[in-house]
Amino acid sequence: MNFVLLAVEPGRVEFQCSPSEAHYNPLGMVHGGLACTLLDTVVGCAAHSTLAVGYGYTSIDLSVNYLRPITLRHGVLRAEGSVVKSGSRVVFAEGRILGPAGELLATATSSLLVFTAPAPSGQGTTGDGGQP
């Protein structure tokens, strides 16, 4: 999808994306699925950046607003994700896609469920592939 991580700090991430004609829909613009996936990535990574080791997350919901058509004339896109409220069970985050001149192209809000992550394979205590 041509996503590149640019910055990360607790509760905030920034990615860039370089769409190509391969991302176009039949109407001649970047498919909304690319924008949605980019927004899902930044809100998820922002949430992940606030979690302690041993915890994971999964999306409960993702609401996307497409504000302007995205075309190749926009060039490289920048996407920002930030945590609005972090909790022990649910993290609330928001994301934005910006064009090179700073124009707002799409936004998203998301709720993410926090859970205890399973041990990686081979890290368990019983020698059976990580299952305790």
N, C-alpha and C. Protein backbone atom coordinates (compact mmCIF):
# COMPACT_ATOMS: atom_id res chain seq x y z
N MET A 1 0.81 -1.20 0.00
CA MET A 1 0.00 0.00 0.00
C MET A 1 0.86 1.27 0.00
N ASN A 2 2.15 1.09 0.05
CA ASN A 2 3.10 2.21 0.03
C ASN A 2 2.99 3.10 1.25
N PHE A 3 2.82 2.50 2.44
CA PHE A 3 2.80 3.25 3.70
C PHE A 3 4.21 3.26 4.28
N VAL A 4 4.61 4.40 4.82
CA VAL A 4 5.91 4.53 5.47
C VAL A 4 5.69 5.23 6.81
N LEU A 5 6.21 4.65 7.88
CA LEU A 5 6.13 5.26 9.20
C LEU A 5 7.12 6.41 9.27
N LEU A 6 6.63 7.60 9.62
CA LEU A 6 7.50 8.78 9.72
C LEU A 6 7.85 9.14 11.16
N ALA A 7 6.88 8.99 12.07
CA ALA A 7 7.11 9.40 13.46
C ALA A 7 6.20 8.61 14.38
N VAL A 8 6.70 8.36 15.58
CA VAL A 8 5.89 7.71 16.61
C VAL A 8 6.32 8.23 17.97
N GLU A 9 5.34 8.51 18.79
CA GLU A 9 5.55 8.87 20.18
C GLU A 9 4.32 8.36 20.92
N PRO A 10 4.36 8.27 22.22
CA PRO A 10 3.19 7.74 22.93
C PRO A 10 1.91 8.52 22.59
N GLY A 11 0.95 7.81 22.01
CA GLY A 11 -0.33 8.40 21.68
C GLY A 11 -0.42 9.10 20.34
N ARG A 12 0.66 9.06 19.54
CA ARG A 12 0.65 9.76 18.26
C ARG A 12 1.57 9.07 17.26
N VAL A 13 1.08 8.94 16.02
CA VAL A 13 1.91 8.42 14.94
C VAL A 13 1.68 9.25 13.68
N GLU A 14 2.63 9.14 12.77
CA GLU A 14 2.51 9.80 11.47
C GLU A 14 3.05 8.86 10.41
N PHE A 15 2.29 8.68 9.35
CA PHE A 15 2.68 7.85 8.21
C PHE A 15 2.60 8.71 6.96
N GLN A 16 3.26 8.26 5.91
CA GLN A 16 3.04 8.83 4.59
C GLN A 16 2.63 7.71 3.65
N CYS A 17 1.96 8.09 2.58
CA CYS A 17 1.49 7.14 1.59
C CYS A 17 1.67 7.76 0.22
N SER A 18 2.18 6.96 -0.71
CA SER A 18 2.36 7.43 -2.09
C SER A 18 1.44 6.63 -3.01
N PRO A 19 0.20 7.11 -3.21
CA PRO A 19 -0.72 6.36 -4.09
C PRO A 19 -0.23 6.37 -5.53
N SER A 20 -0.65 5.35 -6.26
CA SER A 20 -0.35 5.27 -7.68
C SER A 20 -1.66 5.00 -8.43
N GLU A 21 -1.59 4.94 -9.74
CA GLU A 21 -2.79 4.63 -10.53
C GLU A 21 -3.34 3.25 -10.18
N ALA A 22 -2.51 2.37 -9.65
CA ALA A 22 -2.98 1.04 -9.23
C ALA A 22 -4.01 1.15 -8.10
N HIS A 23 -4.05 2.29 -7.41
CA HIS A 23 -5.00 2.50 -6.31
C HIS A 23 -6.27 3.20 -6.78
N TYR A 24 -6.37 3.50 -8.07
CA TYR A 24 -7.55 4.19 -8.59
C TYR A 24 -8.76 3.28 -8.65
N ASN A 25 -9.93 3.88 -8.46
CA ASN A 25 -11.19 3.18 -8.67
C ASN A 25 -11.68 3.49 -10.09
N PRO A 26 -12.78 2.91 -10.53
CA PRO A 26 -13.26 3.17 -11.90
C PRO A 26 -13.64 4.63 -12.16
N LEU A 27 -13.79 5.44 -11.12
CA LEU A 27 -14.15 6.85 -11.30
C LEU A 27 -12.93 7.76 -11.50
N GLY A 28 -11.71 7.18 -11.46
CA GLY A 28 -10.51 7.96 -11.71
C GLY A 28 -9.96 8.69 -10.51
N MET A 29 -10.17 8.13 -9.32
CA MET A 29 -9.59 8.70 -8.10
C MET A 29 -9.14 7.56 -7.21
N VAL A 30 -8.34 7.88 -6.20
CA VAL A 30 -7.84 6.85 -5.29
C VAL A 30 -9.03 6.22 -4.57
N HIS A 31 -9.06 4.91 -4.57
CA HIS A 31 -10.15 4.16 -3.95
C HIS A 31 -10.26 4.51 -2.47
N GLY A 32 -11.48 4.65 -2.00
CA GLY A 32 -11.72 4.96 -0.59
C GLY A 32 -11.14 3.91 0.34
N GLY A 33 -10.99 2.68 -0.16
CA GLY A 33 -10.42 1.62 0.66
C GLY A 33 -8.98 1.90 1.05
N LEU A 34 -8.22 2.56 0.18
CA LEU A 34 -6.85 2.92 0.53
C LEU A 34 -6.86 3.95 1.66
N ALA A 35 -7.69 4.97 1.52
CA ALA A 35 -7.78 5.99 2.57
C ALA A 35 -8.25 5.36 3.87
N CYS A 36 -9.24 4.48 3.80
CA CYS A 36 -9.76 3.82 4.99
C CYS A 36 -8.67 2.97 5.67
N THR A 37 -7.92 2.24 4.88
CA THR A 37 -6.85 1.40 5.43
C THR A 37 -5.75 2.26 6.05
N LEU A 38 -5.41 3.36 5.41
CA LEU A 38 -4.41 4.26 5.97
C LEU A 38 -4.89 4.85 7.30
N LEU A 39 -6.15 5.25 7.35
CA LEU A 39 -6.70 5.77 8.60
C LEU A 39 -6.77 4.70 9.68
N ASP A 40 -7.17 3.49 9.32
CA ASP A 40 -7.22 2.38 10.27
C ASP A 40 -5.81 2.11 10.82
N THR A 41 -4.81 2.23 9.97
CA THR A 41 -3.43 2.01 10.39
C THR A 41 -2.98 3.07 11.39
N VAL A 42 -3.25 4.33 11.12
CA VAL A 42 -2.75 5.37 12.03
C VAL A 42 -3.49 5.38 13.37
N VAL A 43 -4.80 5.12 13.36
CA VAL A 43 -5.50 5.10 14.66
C VAL A 43 -5.07 3.88 15.46
N GLY A 44 -4.89 2.74 14.79
CA GLY A 44 -4.45 1.53 15.48
C GLY A 44 -3.05 1.66 16.04
N CYS A 45 -2.14 2.20 15.25
CA CYS A 45 -0.76 2.36 15.73
C CYS A 45 -0.67 3.40 16.84
N ALA A 46 -1.48 4.45 16.77
CA ALA A 46 -1.49 5.43 17.85
C ALA A 46 -1.95 4.77 19.15
N ALA A 47 -3.00 3.96 19.06
CA ALA A 47 -3.48 3.23 20.24
C ALA A 47 -2.40 2.28 20.75
N HIS A 48 -1.78 1.54 19.83
CA HIS A 48 -0.75 0.56 20.20
C HIS A 48 0.40 1.24 20.94
N SER A 49 0.72 2.46 20.54
CA SER A 49 1.86 3.17 21.15
C SER A 49 1.62 3.50 22.63
N THR A 50 0.40 3.35 23.11
CA THR A 50 0.10 3.65 24.52
C THR A 50 0.01 2.40 25.38
N LEU A 51 0.10 1.23 24.77
CA LEU A 51 -0.11 -0.02 25.50
C LEU A 51 1.19 -0.56 26.09
N ALA A 52 1.08 -1.17 27.25
CA ALA A 52 2.22 -1.84 27.87
C ALA A 52 2.55 -3.12 27.12
N VAL A 53 3.75 -3.59 27.27
CA VAL A 53 4.16 -4.87 26.69
C VAL A 53 3.21 -5.95 27.18
N GLY A 54 2.80 -6.82 26.28
CA GLY A 54 1.90 -7.90 26.64
C GLY A 54 0.43 -7.61 26.36
N TYR A 55 0.15 -6.41 25.83
CA TYR A 55 -1.22 -6.04 25.49
C TYR A 55 -1.33 -5.80 23.99
N GLY A 56 -2.50 -6.11 23.45
CA GLY A 56 -2.79 -5.87 22.05
C GLY A 56 -4.11 -5.12 21.93
N TYR A 57 -4.57 -4.95 20.72
CA TYR A 57 -5.81 -4.21 20.47
C TYR A 57 -6.46 -4.75 19.20
N THR A 58 -7.73 -4.47 19.07
CA THR A 58 -8.46 -4.74 17.84
C THR A 58 -9.53 -3.68 17.69
N SER A 59 -9.86 -3.36 16.47
CA SER A 59 -10.87 -2.32 16.22
C SER A 59 -12.25 -2.78 16.63
N ILE A 60 -12.95 -1.92 17.34
CA ILE A 60 -14.37 -2.12 17.62
C ILE A 60 -15.17 -1.47 16.50
N ASP A 61 -14.78 -0.24 16.16
CA ASP A 61 -15.43 0.46 15.06
C ASP A 61 -14.46 1.44 14.43
N LEU A 62 -14.79 1.84 13.21
CA LEU A 62 -14.01 2.82 12.48
C LEU A 62 -15.00 3.61 11.63
N SER A 63 -15.05 4.91 11.84
CA SER A 63 -15.93 5.78 11.07
C SER A 63 -15.06 6.72 10.25
N VAL A 64 -15.24 6.68 8.93
CA VAL A 64 -14.41 7.47 8.02
C VAL A 64 -15.27 8.52 7.32
N ASN A 65 -14.73 9.72 7.23
CA ASN A 65 -15.36 10.80 6.47
C ASN A 65 -14.43 11.18 5.33
N TYR A 66 -14.90 11.04 4.10
CA TYR A 66 -14.14 11.41 2.91
C TYR A 66 -14.52 12.86 2.57
N LEU A 67 -13.57 13.77 2.69
CA LEU A 67 -13.87 15.19 2.54
C LEU A 67 -13.59 15.72 1.14
N ARG A 68 -12.59 15.15 0.47
CA ARG A 68 -12.23 15.56 -0.89
C ARG A 68 -11.77 14.33 -1.66
N PRO A 69 -11.97 14.32 -2.98
CA PRO A 69 -11.42 13.22 -3.77
C PRO A 69 -9.89 13.23 -3.70
N ILE A 70 -9.30 12.06 -3.61
CA ILE A 70 -7.84 11.95 -3.61
C ILE A 70 -7.42 11.47 -4.98
N THR A 71 -6.53 12.22 -5.61
CA THR A 71 -6.01 11.86 -6.93
C THR A 71 -4.48 11.92 -6.89
N LEU A 72 -3.86 11.50 -7.97
CA LEU A 72 -2.40 11.52 -8.03
C LEU A 72 -1.84 12.93 -7.95
N ARG A 73 -2.64 13.92 -8.29
CA ARG A 73 -2.14 15.30 -8.20
C ARG A 73 -1.80 15.69 -6.77
N HIS A 74 -2.37 14.96 -5.80
CA HIS A 74 -2.05 15.23 -4.40
C HIS A 74 -0.64 14.76 -4.04
N GLY A 75 -0.09 13.85 -4.84
CA GLY A 75 1.26 13.36 -4.55
C GLY A 75 1.29 12.55 -3.27
N VAL A 76 2.32 12.77 -2.49
CA VAL A 76 2.50 12.03 -1.24
C VAL A 76 1.51 12.56 -0.20
N LEU A 77 0.80 11.62 0.43
CA LEU A 77 -0.16 11.96 1.48
C LEU A 77 0.49 11.78 2.84
N ARG A 78 0.03 12.56 3.80
CA ARG A 78 0.49 12.41 5.18
C ARG A 78 -0.72 12.05 6.03
N ALA A 79 -0.57 11.06 6.89
CA ALA A 79 -1.65 10.64 7.77
C ALA A 79 -1.18 10.71 9.21
N GLU A 80 -2.02 11.26 10.06
CA GLU A 80 -1.71 11.40 11.48
C GLU A 80 -2.75 10.65 12.28
N GLY A 81 -2.32 9.96 13.31
CA GLY A 81 -3.22 9.30 14.23
C GLY A 81 -2.89 9.73 15.64
N SER A 82 -3.93 9.95 16.45
CA SER A 82 -3.69 10.35 17.83
C SER A 82 -4.75 9.76 18.74
N VAL A 83 -4.34 9.48 19.96
CA VAL A 83 -5.24 8.93 20.97
C VAL A 83 -5.99 10.10 21.61
N VAL A 84 -7.30 9.97 21.66
CA VAL A 84 -8.15 10.96 22.30
C VAL A 84 -8.31 10.62 23.78
N LYS A 85 -8.53 9.33 24.07
CA LYS A 85 -8.66 8.86 25.45
C LYS A 85 -8.19 7.42 25.51
N SER A 86 -7.28 7.16 26.41
CA SER A 86 -6.76 5.81 26.59
C SER A 86 -7.34 5.22 27.86
N GLY A 87 -7.82 3.99 27.78
CA GLY A 87 -8.35 3.32 28.95
C GLY A 87 -7.81 1.91 29.05
N SER A 88 -8.12 1.23 30.14
CA SER A 88 -7.61 -0.13 30.32
C SER A 88 -8.36 -1.14 29.45
N ARG A 89 -9.56 -0.81 28.99
CA ARG A 89 -10.36 -1.72 28.16
C ARG A 89 -10.58 -1.21 26.74
N VAL A 90 -10.70 0.11 26.59
CA VAL A 90 -10.99 0.71 25.28
C VAL A 90 -10.13 1.96 25.10
N VAL A 91 -9.60 2.11 23.88
CA VAL A 91 -8.85 3.31 23.51
C VAL A 91 -9.66 4.00 22.40
N PHE A 92 -9.81 5.32 22.52
CA PHE A 92 -10.48 6.12 21.51
C PHE A 92 -9.42 6.92 20.76
N ALA A 93 -9.47 6.87 19.42
CA ALA A 93 -8.43 7.53 18.63
C ALA A 93 -9.07 8.21 17.41
N GLU A 94 -8.31 9.14 16.85
CA GLU A 94 -8.77 9.81 15.64
C GLU A 94 -7.61 9.92 14.65
N GLY A 95 -7.96 10.02 13.36
CA GLY A 95 -6.95 10.12 12.33
C GLY A 95 -7.33 11.14 11.27
N ARG A 96 -6.30 11.61 10.55
CA ARG A 96 -6.51 12.58 9.48
C ARG A 96 -5.55 12.27 8.34
N ILE A 97 -6.04 12.45 7.12
CA ILE A 97 -5.18 12.39 5.94
C ILE A 97 -5.09 13.79 5.37
N LEU A 98 -3.85 14.22 5.13
CA LEU A 98 -3.59 15.56 4.61
C LEU A 98 -2.83 15.49 3.30
N GLY A 99 -3.16 16.40 2.39
CA GLY A 99 -2.41 16.54 1.16
C GLY A 99 -1.13 17.31 1.42
N PRO A 100 -0.27 17.44 0.42
CA PRO A 100 1.03 18.10 0.61
C PRO A 100 0.93 19.58 1.00
N ALA A 101 -0.18 20.23 0.66
CA ALA A 101 -0.36 21.63 1.04
C ALA A 101 -1.09 21.75 2.38
N GLY A 102 -1.30 20.61 3.06
CA GLY A 102 -1.97 20.62 4.35
C GLY A 102 -3.48 20.54 4.27
N GLU A 103 -4.03 20.36 3.04
CA GLU A 103 -5.48 20.29 2.91
C GLU A 103 -6.00 18.98 3.50
N LEU A 104 -7.07 19.06 4.25
CA LEU A 104 -7.67 17.91 4.90
C LEU A 104 -8.48 17.12 3.88
N LEU A 105 -8.11 15.84 3.69
CA LEU A 105 -8.75 15.00 2.68
C LEU A 105 -9.74 14.00 3.26
N ALA A 106 -9.43 13.47 4.44
CA ALA A 106 -10.31 12.47 5.07
C ALA A 106 -10.00 12.43 6.57
N THR A 107 -11.00 12.04 7.36
CA THR A 107 -10.83 11.91 8.80
C THR A 107 -11.45 10.59 9.26
N ALA A 108 -11.08 10.18 10.46
CA ALA A 108 -11.66 8.96 11.03
C ALA A 108 -11.67 9.06 12.54
N THR A 109 -12.61 8.35 13.14
CA THR A 109 -12.61 8.11 14.57
C THR A 109 -12.73 6.61 14.77
N SER A 110 -12.17 6.12 15.86
CA SER A 110 -12.17 4.69 16.10
C SER A 110 -12.17 4.40 17.60
N SER A 111 -12.82 3.29 17.94
CA SER A 111 -12.74 2.71 19.29
C SER A 111 -12.00 1.39 19.14
N LEU A 112 -11.05 1.13 20.03
CA LEU A 112 -10.23 -0.07 19.93
C LEU A 112 -10.26 -0.81 21.26
N LEU A 113 -10.54 -2.10 21.20
CA LEU A 113 -10.60 -2.95 22.38
C LEU A 113 -9.19 -3.38 22.78
N VAL A 114 -8.86 -3.23 24.04
CA VAL A 114 -7.54 -3.63 24.57
C VAL A 114 -7.68 -5.03 25.17
N PHE A 115 -6.70 -5.89 24.90
CA PHE A 115 -6.73 -7.25 25.45
C PHE A 115 -5.31 -7.70 25.76
N THR A 116 -5.21 -8.73 26.59
CA THR A 116 -3.91 -9.33 26.87
C THR A 116 -3.49 -10.12 25.66
N ALA A 117 -2.32 -9.83 25.14
CA ALA A 117 -1.83 -10.50 23.94
C ALA A 117 -1.31 -11.88 24.27
N PRO A 118 -1.58 -12.86 23.39
CA PRO A 118 -1.02 -14.19 23.63
C PRO A 118 0.50 -14.17 23.49
N ALA A 119 1.17 -15.07 24.20
CA ALA A 119 2.63 -15.17 24.09
C ALA A 119 2.99 -15.60 22.68
N PRO A 120 4.08 -15.05 22.12
CA PRO A 120 4.54 -15.49 20.80
C PRO A 120 4.84 -16.98 20.80
N SER A 121 4.70 -17.60 19.66
CA SER A 121 4.98 -19.02 19.53
C SER A 121 6.37 -19.34 20.04
N GLY A 122 6.45 -20.40 20.86
CA GLY A 122 7.74 -20.81 21.41
C GLY A 122 8.08 -20.11 22.71
N GLN A 123 7.21 -19.21 23.20
CA GLN A 123 7.49 -18.46 24.42
C GLN A 123 6.71 -18.99 25.62
N GLY A 124 5.93 -20.02 25.43
CA GLY A 124 5.13 -20.57 26.53
C GLY A 124 5.99 -21.32 27.53
N THR A 125 5.37 -21.75 28.61
CA THR A 125 6.11 -22.42 29.68
C THR A 125 6.04 -23.94 29.59
N THR A 126 5.20 -24.47 28.69
CA THR A 126 5.02 -25.93 28.65
C THR A 126 5.75 -26.59 27.50
N GLY A 127 6.36 -25.80 26.61
CA GLY A 127 7.07 -26.39 25.49
C GLY A 127 6.13 -26.88 24.39
N ASP A 128 4.88 -26.47 24.40
CA ASP A 128 3.93 -26.92 23.38
C ASP A 128 3.54 -25.81 22.43
N GLY A 129 4.52 -25.01 22.02
CA GLY A 129 4.24 -23.95 21.05
C GLY A 129 3.65 -22.70 21.65
N GLY A 130 3.86 -22.49 22.93
CA GLY A 130 3.42 -21.27 23.56
C GLY A 130 2.13 -21.39 24.32
N GLN A 131 1.51 -22.54 24.34
CA GLN A 131 0.26 -22.70 25.09
C GLN A 131 0.59 -23.14 26.52
N PRO A 132 0.19 -22.34 27.52
CA PRO A 132 0.49 -22.71 28.91
C PRO A 132 -0.30 -23.93 29.34
